[in-house]
Amino acid sequence: VILTTHSMEEAEALCTRIGIMVNGGFKCLGSAQRLKDRFGQGYELDMKFASFEADEVVAICELLRENGQLTGGPSASQSLSVRTHSASGDGSTNAPLLVDTAPAPHFGRVADVRSAVAFLASARDPEEGRSAADDAERVCAEVSPVGRGAEIYLLQQQDANHAVDAEAVAQFWLAEQRLATLAAYLRQSFAAVDLLETKTLLSHRFRIQTDEGLAEVFSRLEEGKAPLSIQSYSVSQISLEQIFNNMASSKDNPENDPTVVGADRASA
């Protein structure tokens, strides 16, 4: 029985041997595991951070209050839930993110998120390769409808003065710092690292490329688990879907050669 499909998940579930065709020609043929071993460059990591401790959030809020970044009281109408965000631009769903810091006191509201982030960046311990200005700009850029700070953006839109509860800003800042530290650690440990998806601000998926075996990958992750506040992680091979996409986007595919495409259009 020969099955043709565009779904690599379907092919992997139903077929004992899989062939991938690109532009009318066979690129490979074999079992799903053989194709992953032969063409799957690297691994995918699902990383989940531990929830924030109340005293972590309180410490950030205290800093903001001491610096005069807070005003008024908390908003009873603001909802602390966060959208799932995909780096590939996929859709999103509501998911809980920001932890309940009770019985921590309410500190008021941040009237200017950009100013508060700039202050927190300047107040943190300096780290090699991360200037305060760059750190602040990176975090502020995520406060957008499609960024990791989409919920902060939405909370701003809910308020006439674009103010956000201090606890929400503190947790967003902490999450971004954890992610930056994790990404730096992974880049030091492996040849290439890409952030594929942010499920919540505490859960991320990376793709890494390395010549090391699985044992070394797990060893590096175990070394960083406690200092990076990682609650759990999993390692998996690159999916057949990604292998197919890599082959389809390869320079060997004439469809990706603008000179060939131009010649085809001219002859047509």
C-alpha atoms as a PDB file:
ATOM      1  CA  VAL A   1       0.000   0.000   0.000  1.00  0.00           C
ATOM      2  CA  ILE A   2       1.380   3.410  -0.987  1.00  0.00           C
ATOM      3  CA  LEU A   3       0.041   6.444   0.864  1.00  0.00           C
ATOM      4  CA  THR A   4       0.683  10.007  -0.300  1.00  0.00           C
ATOM      5  CA  THR A   5       0.222  12.817   2.202  1.00  0.00           C
ATOM      6  CA  HIS A   6       1.480  16.254   3.159  1.00  0.00           C
ATOM      7  CA  SER A   7       1.233  15.374   6.872  1.00  0.00           C
ATOM      8  CA  MET A   8       4.485  13.994   8.238  1.00  0.00           C
ATOM      9  CA  GLU A   9       2.747  13.052  11.492  1.00  0.00           C
ATOM     10  CA  GLU A  10       0.274  10.958   9.523  1.00  0.00           C
ATOM     11  CA  ALA A  11       3.087   9.311   7.566  1.00  0.00           C
ATOM     12  CA  GLU A  12       5.025   8.501  10.731  1.00  0.00           C
ATOM     13  CA  ALA A  13       1.953   6.970  12.389  1.00  0.00           C
ATOM     14  CA  LEU A  14       0.858   4.820   9.444  1.00  0.00           C
ATOM     15  CA  CYS A  15       3.965   3.947   7.410  1.00  0.00           C
ATOM     16  CA  THR A  16       6.903   1.638   8.000  1.00  0.00           C
ATOM     17  CA  ARG A  17       8.975   3.319   5.258  1.00  0.00           C
ATOM     18  CA  ILE A  18       8.737   6.983   4.326  1.00  0.00           C
ATOM     19  CA  GLY A  19       9.961   8.769   1.241  1.00  0.00           C
ATOM     20  CA  ILE A  20      10.142  12.557   0.977  1.00  0.00           C
ATOM     21  CA  MET A  21       9.748  14.152  -2.441  1.00  0.00           C
ATOM     22  CA  VAL A  22      10.686  17.745  -3.236  1.00  0.00           C
ATOM     23  CA  ASN A  23      10.016  19.323  -6.622  1.00  0.00           C
ATOM     24  CA  GLY A  24       9.097  15.934  -8.084  1.00  0.00           C
ATOM     25  CA  GLY A  25      12.219  14.070  -6.983  1.00  0.00           C
ATOM     26  CA  PHE A  26      12.979  11.693  -4.123  1.00  0.00           C
ATOM     27  CA  LYS A  27      15.206  13.141  -1.422  1.00  0.00           C
ATOM     28  CA  CYS A  28      15.208  10.206   0.961  1.00  0.00           C
ATOM     29  CA  LEU A  29      13.608   6.852   1.726  1.00  0.00           C
ATOM     30  CA  GLY A  30      13.615   4.830   4.923  1.00  0.00           C
ATOM     31  CA  SER A  31      12.019   4.299   8.303  1.00  0.00           C
ATOM     32  CA  ALA A  32      11.012   7.314  10.374  1.00  0.00           C
ATOM     33  CA  GLN A  33      13.834   6.690  12.845  1.00  0.00           C
ATOM     34  CA  ARG A  34      16.433   6.304  10.093  1.00  0.00           C
ATOM     35  CA  LEU A  35      15.380   9.595   8.513  1.00  0.00           C
ATOM     36  CA  LYS A  36      15.572  11.356  11.863  1.00  0.00           C
ATOM     37  CA  ASP A  37      19.024   9.888  12.546  1.00  0.00           C
ATOM     38  CA  ARG A  38      20.287  10.772   9.062  1.00  0.00           C
ATOM     39  CA  PHE A  39      18.712  14.170   8.431  1.00  0.00           C
ATOM     40  CA  GLY A  40      17.552  15.443  11.817  1.00  0.00           C
ATOM     41  CA  GLN A  41      20.176  17.988  12.811  1.00  0.00           C
ATOM     42  CA  GLY A  42      20.041  18.471  16.570  1.00  0.00           C
ATOM     43  CA  TYR A  43      17.274  18.170  19.132  1.00  0.00           C
ATOM     44  CA  GLU A  44      14.231  20.022  20.386  1.00  0.00           C
ATOM     45  CA  LEU A  45      14.077  21.005  24.056  1.00  0.00           C
ATOM     46  CA  ASP A  46      10.901  21.712  26.000  1.00  0.00           C
ATOM     47  CA  MET A  47      11.864  23.740  29.053  1.00  0.00           C
ATOM     48  CA  LYS A  48       9.561  24.686  31.929  1.00  0.00           C
ATOM     49  CA  PHE A  49      10.604  27.112  34.652  1.00  0.00           C
ATOM     50  CA  ALA A  50       9.536  26.759  38.255  1.00  0.00           C
ATOM     51  CA  SER A  51       6.820  29.190  39.386  1.00  0.00           C
ATOM     52  CA  PHE A  52       7.944  32.430  40.930  1.00  0.00           C
ATOM     53  CA  GLU A  53       8.246  32.630  44.685  1.00  0.00           C
ATOM     54  CA  ALA A  54       6.224  35.377  46.325  1.00  0.00           C
ATOM     55  CA  ASP A  55       9.331  36.994  47.775  1.00  0.00           C
ATOM     56  CA  GLU A  56      10.860  37.289  44.276  1.00  0.00           C
ATOM     57  CA  VAL A  57       7.875  39.290  43.095  1.00  0.00           C
ATOM     58  CA  VAL A  58       7.753  41.357  46.283  1.00  0.00           C
ATOM     59  CA  ALA A  59      11.442  42.269  45.928  1.00  0.00           C
ATOM     60  CA  ILE A  60      10.894  43.630  42.415  1.00  0.00           C
ATOM     61  CA  CYS A  61       7.793  45.560  43.493  1.00  0.00           C
ATOM     62  CA  GLU A  62       9.734  47.056  46.408  1.00  0.00           C
ATOM     63  CA  LEU A  63      12.423  48.257  43.996  1.00  0.00           C
ATOM     64  CA  LEU A  64       9.800  49.870  41.795  1.00  0.00           C
ATOM     65  CA  ARG A  65       8.152  51.564  44.750  1.00  0.00           C
ATOM     66  CA  GLU A  66      11.444  52.881  46.138  1.00  0.00           C
ATOM     67  CA  ASN A  67      12.237  54.361  42.729  1.00  0.00           C
ATOM     68  CA  GLY A  68       8.879  56.100  42.487  1.00  0.00           C
ATOM     69  CA  GLN A  69       7.637  53.918  39.614  1.00  0.00           C
ATOM     70  CA  LEU A  70       4.322  53.034  41.274  1.00  0.00           C
ATOM     71  CA  THR A  71       1.105  54.957  41.657  1.00  0.00           C
ATOM     72  CA  GLY A  72      -2.359  54.320  43.097  1.00  0.00           C
ATOM     73  CA  GLY A  73      -3.715  50.920  44.115  1.00  0.00           C
ATOM     74  CA  PRO A  74      -4.246  47.616  42.318  1.00  0.00           C
ATOM     75  CA  SER A  75      -6.942  47.239  39.691  1.00  0.00           C
ATOM     76  CA  ALA A  76      -9.655  44.753  40.573  1.00  0.00           C
ATOM     77  CA  SER A  77     -10.592  44.401  36.914  1.00  0.00           C
ATOM     78  CA  GLN A  78      -7.239  43.310  35.504  1.00  0.00           C
ATOM     79  CA  SER A  79      -6.964  39.604  34.770  1.00  0.00           C
ATOM     80  CA  LEU A  80      -3.598  37.896  35.178  1.00  0.00           C
ATOM     81  CA  SER A  81      -3.772  35.250  32.456  1.00  0.00           C
ATOM     82  CA  VAL A  82      -1.545  34.975  29.444  1.00  0.00           C
ATOM     83  CA  ARG A  83      -1.875  33.978  25.824  1.00  0.00           C
ATOM     84  CA  THR A  84       0.185  31.187  24.369  1.00  0.00           C
ATOM     85  CA  HIS A  85       2.594  32.734  21.886  1.00  0.00           C
ATOM     86  CA  SER A  86       4.284  30.918  19.005  1.00  0.00           C
ATOM     87  CA  ALA A  87       7.446  32.274  17.433  1.00  0.00           C
ATOM     88  CA  SER A  88       6.168  30.980  14.110  1.00  0.00           C
ATOM     89  CA  GLY A  89       3.087  33.195  14.303  1.00  0.00           C
ATOM     90  CA  ASP A  90       0.611  30.439  15.106  1.00  0.00           C
ATOM     91  CA  GLY A  91      -2.600  31.139  16.987  1.00  0.00           C
ATOM     92  CA  SER A  92      -2.922  31.500  20.712  1.00  0.00           C
ATOM     93  CA  THR A  93      -5.158  30.348  23.523  1.00  0.00           C
ATOM     94  CA  ASN A  94      -5.780  31.557  27.055  1.00  0.00           C
ATOM     95  CA  ALA A  95      -3.570  29.884  29.629  1.00  0.00           C
ATOM     96  CA  PRO A  96      -2.745  30.693  33.268  1.00  0.00           C
ATOM     97  CA  LEU A  97       0.669  32.218  33.774  1.00  0.00           C
ATOM     98  CA  LEU A  98       1.140  34.786  36.473  1.00  0.00           C
ATOM     99  CA  VAL A  99       1.227  33.157  39.876  1.00  0.00           C
ATOM    100  CA  ASP A 100      -0.866  34.229  42.825  1.00  0.00           C
ATOM    101  CA  THR A 101       1.525  35.996  45.182  1.00  0.00           C
ATOM    102  CA  ALA A 102      -0.951  36.095  48.110  1.00  0.00           C
ATOM    103  CA  PRO A 103      -0.495  36.910  50.914  1.00  0.00           C
ATOM    104  CA  ALA A 104       1.974  39.360  49.366  1.00  0.00           C
ATOM    105  CA  PRO A 105       0.761  42.962  49.657  1.00  0.00           C
ATOM    106  CA  HIS A 106      -0.513  44.869  46.648  1.00  0.00           C
ATOM    107  CA  PHE A 107       1.957  47.554  45.703  1.00  0.00           C
ATOM    108  CA  GLY A 108      -0.037  49.689  43.324  1.00  0.00           C
ATOM    109  CA  ARG A 109       0.345  50.167  39.605  1.00  0.00           C
ATOM    110  CA  VAL A 110       3.063  50.899  37.062  1.00  0.00           C
ATOM    111  CA  ALA A 111       2.065  53.942  35.043  1.00  0.00           C
ATOM    112  CA  ASP A 112       4.943  53.689  32.545  1.00  0.00           C
ATOM    113  CA  VAL A 113       6.043  50.122  31.797  1.00  0.00           C
ATOM    114  CA  ARG A 114       8.964  51.214  29.583  1.00  0.00           C
ATOM    115  CA  SER A 115      10.360  53.446  32.315  1.00  0.00           C
ATOM    116  CA  ALA A 116       9.947  50.716  34.923  1.00  0.00           C
ATOM    117  CA  VAL A 117      11.719  48.154  32.719  1.00  0.00           C
ATOM    118  CA  ALA A 118      14.585  50.590  32.038  1.00  0.00           C
ATOM    119  CA  PHE A 119      15.003  51.100  35.795  1.00  0.00           C
ATOM    120  CA  LEU A 120      14.973  47.349  36.526  1.00  0.00           C
ATOM    121  CA  ALA A 121      17.552  46.769  33.778  1.00  0.00           C
ATOM    122  CA  SER A 122      19.856  49.388  35.272  1.00  0.00           C
ATOM    123  CA  ALA A 123      19.357  48.004  38.796  1.00  0.00           C
ATOM    124  CA  ARG A 124      20.137  44.355  38.027  1.00  0.00           C
ATOM    125  CA  ASP A 125      23.565  42.805  38.475  1.00  0.00           C
ATOM    126  CA  PRO A 126      25.632  43.424  35.325  1.00  0.00           C
ATOM    127  CA  GLU A 127      26.208  40.370  33.160  1.00  0.00           C
ATOM    128  CA  GLU A 128      28.775  39.927  30.428  1.00  0.00           C
ATOM    129  CA  GLY A 129      27.398  40.725  26.982  1.00  0.00           C
ATOM    130  CA  ARG A 130      24.139  42.238  28.248  1.00  0.00           C
ATOM    131  CA  SER A 131      24.057  46.002  28.655  1.00  0.00           C
ATOM    132  CA  ALA A 132      21.221  47.594  30.627  1.00  0.00           C
ATOM    133  CA  ALA A 133      20.010  49.532  27.589  1.00  0.00           C
ATOM    134  CA  ASP A 134      19.974  46.453  25.340  1.00  0.00           C
ATOM    135  CA  ASP A 135      18.246  44.414  28.033  1.00  0.00           C
ATOM    136  CA  ALA A 136      15.537  47.043  28.512  1.00  0.00           C
ATOM    137  CA  GLU A 137      14.973  47.406  24.776  1.00  0.00           C
ATOM    138  CA  ARG A 138      14.718  43.633  24.315  1.00  0.00           C
ATOM    139  CA  VAL A 139      12.116  43.288  27.069  1.00  0.00           C
ATOM    140  CA  CYS A 140      10.083  46.336  25.971  1.00  0.00           C
ATOM    141  CA  ALA A 141       9.992  45.036  22.390  1.00  0.00           C
ATOM    142  CA  GLU A 142       8.073  41.987  23.649  1.00  0.00           C
ATOM    143  CA  VAL A 143       5.244  44.166  25.004  1.00  0.00           C
ATOM    144  CA  SER A 144       3.208  43.976  21.828  1.00  0.00           C
ATOM    145  CA  PRO A 145       0.122  42.114  20.541  1.00  0.00           C
ATOM    146  CA  VAL A 146       2.302  39.270  19.220  1.00  0.00           C
ATOM    147  CA  GLY A 147       5.204  39.308  21.690  1.00  0.00           C
ATOM    148  CA  ARG A 148       5.865  37.355  24.859  1.00  0.00           C
ATOM    149  CA  GLY A 149       4.510  40.360  26.748  1.00  0.00           C
ATOM    150  CA  ALA A 150       1.171  40.257  24.915  1.00  0.00           C
ATOM    151  CA  GLU A 151      -0.717  40.056  28.201  1.00  0.00           C
ATOM    152  CA  ILE A 152       1.029  43.138  29.557  1.00  0.00           C
ATOM    153  CA  TYR A 153       0.049  44.914  26.346  1.00  0.00           C
ATOM    154  CA  LEU A 154      -3.570  43.817  26.767  1.00  0.00           C
ATOM    155  CA  LEU A 155      -3.621  44.938  30.388  1.00  0.00           C
ATOM    156  CA  GLN A 156      -2.397  48.359  29.256  1.00  0.00           C
ATOM    157  CA  GLN A 157      -5.252  48.573  26.771  1.00  0.00           C
ATOM    158  CA  GLN A 158      -7.764  47.788  29.523  1.00  0.00           C
ATOM    159  CA  ASP A 159      -6.747  50.861  31.488  1.00  0.00           C
ATOM    160  CA  ALA A 160      -7.428  54.449  30.403  1.00  0.00           C
ATOM    161  CA  ASN A 161      -3.938  55.503  31.559  1.00  0.00           C
ATOM    162  CA  HIS A 162      -2.206  52.314  30.300  1.00  0.00           C
ATOM    163  CA  ALA A 163      -1.243  51.422  33.873  1.00  0.00           C
ATOM    164  CA  VAL A 164      -0.523  47.814  34.880  1.00  0.00           C
ATOM    165  CA  ASP A 165      -0.491  46.196  38.324  1.00  0.00           C
ATOM    166  CA  ALA A 166       3.032  46.074  39.746  1.00  0.00           C
ATOM    167  CA  GLU A 167       2.854  42.330  40.409  1.00  0.00           C
ATOM    168  CA  ALA A 168       2.185  41.628  36.710  1.00  0.00           C
ATOM    169  CA  VAL A 169       5.112  43.772  35.559  1.00  0.00           C
ATOM    170  CA  ALA A 170       7.402  42.170  38.142  1.00  0.00           C
ATOM    171  CA  GLN A 171       6.573  38.660  36.974  1.00  0.00           C
ATOM    172  CA  PHE A 172       6.977  39.586  33.318  1.00  0.00           C
ATOM    173  CA  TRP A 173      10.403  41.059  34.089  1.00  0.00           C
ATOM    174  CA  LEU A 174      11.466  37.988  36.064  1.00  0.00           C
ATOM    175  CA  ALA A 175      10.308  35.666  33.280  1.00  0.00           C
ATOM    176  CA  GLU A 176      12.271  37.598  30.656  1.00  0.00           C
ATOM    177  CA  GLN A 177      15.406  37.528  32.790  1.00  0.00           C
ATOM    178  CA  ARG A 178      15.098  33.789  33.289  1.00  0.00           C
ATOM    179  CA  LEU A 179      14.656  33.268  29.559  1.00  0.00           C
ATOM    180  CA  ALA A 180      17.677  35.442  28.689  1.00  0.00           C
ATOM    181  CA  THR A 181      19.846  33.593  31.201  1.00  0.00           C
ATOM    182  CA  LEU A 182      18.665  30.206  29.915  1.00  0.00           C
ATOM    183  CA  ALA A 183      19.271  31.176  26.277  1.00  0.00           C
ATOM    184  CA  ALA A 184      22.809  32.371  27.133  1.00  0.00           C
ATOM    185  CA  TYR A 185      23.533  29.090  28.926  1.00  0.00           C
ATOM    186  CA  LEU A 186      22.294  27.027  25.990  1.00  0.00           C
ATOM    187  CA  ARG A 187      24.387  29.053  23.528  1.00  0.00           C
ATOM    188  CA  GLN A 188      27.467  28.430  25.649  1.00  0.00           C
ATOM    189  CA  SER A 189      26.681  24.713  25.738  1.00  0.00           C
ATOM    190  CA  PHE A 190      25.663  23.958  22.142  1.00  0.00           C
ATOM    191  CA  ALA A 191      26.721  24.978  18.639  1.00  0.00           C
ATOM    192  CA  ALA A 192      23.446  26.658  17.628  1.00  0.00           C
ATOM    193  CA  VAL A 193      20.283  27.539  19.545  1.00  0.00           C
ATOM    194  CA  ASP A 194      16.908  28.825  18.302  1.00  0.00           C
ATOM    195  CA  LEU A 195      13.844  29.736  20.346  1.00  0.00           C
ATOM    196  CA  LEU A 196      10.951  28.060  18.520  1.00  0.00           C
ATOM    197  CA  GLU A 197       7.969  28.747  20.728  1.00  0.00           C
ATOM    198  CA  THR A 198       6.844  30.376  23.934  1.00  0.00           C
ATOM    199  CA  LYS A 199       3.879  28.449  25.317  1.00  0.00           C
ATOM    200  CA  THR A 200       3.637  30.578  28.446  1.00  0.00           C
ATOM    201  CA  LEU A 201       6.263  32.873  29.919  1.00  0.00           C
ATOM    202  CA  LEU A 202       7.380  29.897  32.015  1.00  0.00           C
ATOM    203  CA  SER A 203       7.441  27.318  29.213  1.00  0.00           C
ATOM    204  CA  HIS A 204       9.584  27.480  26.073  1.00  0.00           C
ATOM    205  CA  ARG A 205      10.690  25.253  23.209  1.00  0.00           C
ATOM    206  CA  PHE A 206      14.186  25.474  21.719  1.00  0.00           C
ATOM    207  CA  ARG A 207      16.001  23.771  18.868  1.00  0.00           C
ATOM    208  CA  ILE A 208      19.668  23.044  19.438  1.00  0.00           C
ATOM    209  CA  GLN A 209      22.345  21.760  17.084  1.00  0.00           C
ATOM    210  CA  THR A 210      25.236  19.833  18.543  1.00  0.00           C
ATOM    211  CA  ASP A 211      27.691  17.119  17.610  1.00  0.00           C
ATOM    212  CA  GLU A 212      27.418  15.716  21.123  1.00  0.00           C
ATOM    213  CA  GLY A 213      25.324  12.675  21.940  1.00  0.00           C
ATOM    214  CA  LEU A 214      22.196  12.569  24.067  1.00  0.00           C
ATOM    215  CA  ALA A 215      24.178  11.743  27.194  1.00  0.00           C
ATOM    216  CA  GLU A 216      26.134  14.988  26.930  1.00  0.00           C
ATOM    217  CA  VAL A 217      22.983  16.989  26.192  1.00  0.00           C
ATOM    218  CA  PHE A 218      21.293  15.644  29.323  1.00  0.00           C
ATOM    219  CA  SER A 219      24.455  16.224  31.337  1.00  0.00           C
ATOM    220  CA  ARG A 220      24.549  19.918  30.382  1.00  0.00           C
ATOM    221  CA  LEU A 221      20.845  20.358  31.116  1.00  0.00           C
ATOM    222  CA  GLU A 222      21.160  18.690  34.506  1.00  0.00           C
ATOM    223  CA  GLU A 223      24.066  20.981  35.379  1.00  0.00           C
ATOM    224  CA  GLY A 224      21.935  24.040  34.680  1.00  0.00           C
ATOM    225  CA  LYS A 225      18.630  22.788  36.075  1.00  0.00           C
ATOM    226  CA  ALA A 226      18.895  24.149  39.625  1.00  0.00           C
ATOM    227  CA  PRO A 227      20.726  27.462  38.972  1.00  0.00           C
ATOM    228  CA  LEU A 228      18.401  28.272  36.050  1.00  0.00           C
ATOM    229  CA  SER A 229      15.204  27.541  38.059  1.00  0.00           C
ATOM    230  CA  ILE A 230      14.150  24.826  35.610  1.00  0.00           C
ATOM    231  CA  GLN A 231      11.301  22.709  36.936  1.00  0.00           C
ATOM    232  CA  SER A 232      11.272  20.134  34.140  1.00  0.00           C
ATOM    233  CA  TYR A 233      12.572  19.571  30.620  1.00  0.00           C
ATOM    234  CA  SER A 234      12.357  17.051  27.807  1.00  0.00           C
ATOM    235  CA  VAL A 235      14.588  16.313  24.820  1.00  0.00           C
ATOM    236  CA  SER A 236      13.308  14.970  21.500  1.00  0.00           C
ATOM    237  CA  GLN A 237      14.627  14.473  18.010  1.00  0.00           C
ATOM    238  CA  ILE A 238      13.730  16.898  15.230  1.00  0.00           C
ATOM    239  CA  SER A 239      10.317  16.038  13.780  1.00  0.00           C
ATOM    240  CA  LEU A 240       9.825  14.645  10.269  1.00  0.00           C
ATOM    241  CA  GLU A 241       7.851  17.813   9.508  1.00  0.00           C
ATOM    242  CA  GLN A 242      10.951  19.906  10.203  1.00  0.00           C
ATOM    243  CA  ILE A 243      13.115  17.591   8.096  1.00  0.00           C
ATOM    244  CA  PHE A 244      10.669  17.995   5.195  1.00  0.00           C
ATOM    245  CA  ASN A 245      10.646  21.784   5.608  1.00  0.00           C
ATOM    246  CA  ASN A 246      14.437  21.881   5.657  1.00  0.00           C
ATOM    247  CA  MET A 247      14.595  19.904   2.408  1.00  0.00           C
ATOM    248  CA  ALA A 248      11.903  22.041   0.762  1.00  0.00           C
ATOM    249  CA  SER A 249      13.740  25.244   1.688  1.00  0.00           C
ATOM    250  CA  SER A 250      17.153  23.921   0.654  1.00  0.00           C
ATOM    251  CA  LYS A 251      19.209  25.773  -1.939  1.00  0.00           C
ATOM    252  CA  ASP A 252      19.191  22.535  -3.944  1.00  0.00           C
ATOM    253  CA  ASN A 253      15.484  23.064  -4.619  1.00  0.00           C
ATOM    254  CA  PRO A 254      15.155  24.977  -7.922  1.00  0.00           C
ATOM    255  CA  GLU A 255      11.981  26.616  -6.641  1.00  0.00           C
ATOM    256  CA  ASN A 256      14.142  28.544  -4.183  1.00  0.00           C
ATOM    257  CA  ASP A 257      16.495  29.820  -6.909  1.00  0.00           C
ATOM    258  CA  PRO A 258      15.271  33.250  -8.077  1.00  0.00           C
ATOM    259  CA  THR A 259      17.197  32.938 -11.358  1.00  0.00           C
ATOM    260  CA  VAL A 260      15.440  29.682 -12.207  1.00  0.00           C
ATOM    261  CA  VAL A 261      12.063  31.018 -11.157  1.00  0.00           C
ATOM    262  CA  GLY A 262      12.640  34.122 -13.264  1.00  0.00           C
ATOM    263  CA  ALA A 263      13.621  32.030 -16.287  1.00  0.00           C
ATOM    264  CA  ASP A 264      10.536  29.865 -15.878  1.00  0.00           C
ATOM    265  CA  ARG A 265       8.311  32.931 -15.736  1.00  0.00           C
ATOM    266  CA  ALA A 266      10.000  34.422 -18.769  1.00  0.00           C
ATOM    267  CA  SER A 267       9.533  31.263 -20.828  1.00  0.00           C
ATOM    268  CA  ALA A 268       5.929  30.987 -19.737  1.00  0.00           C
END
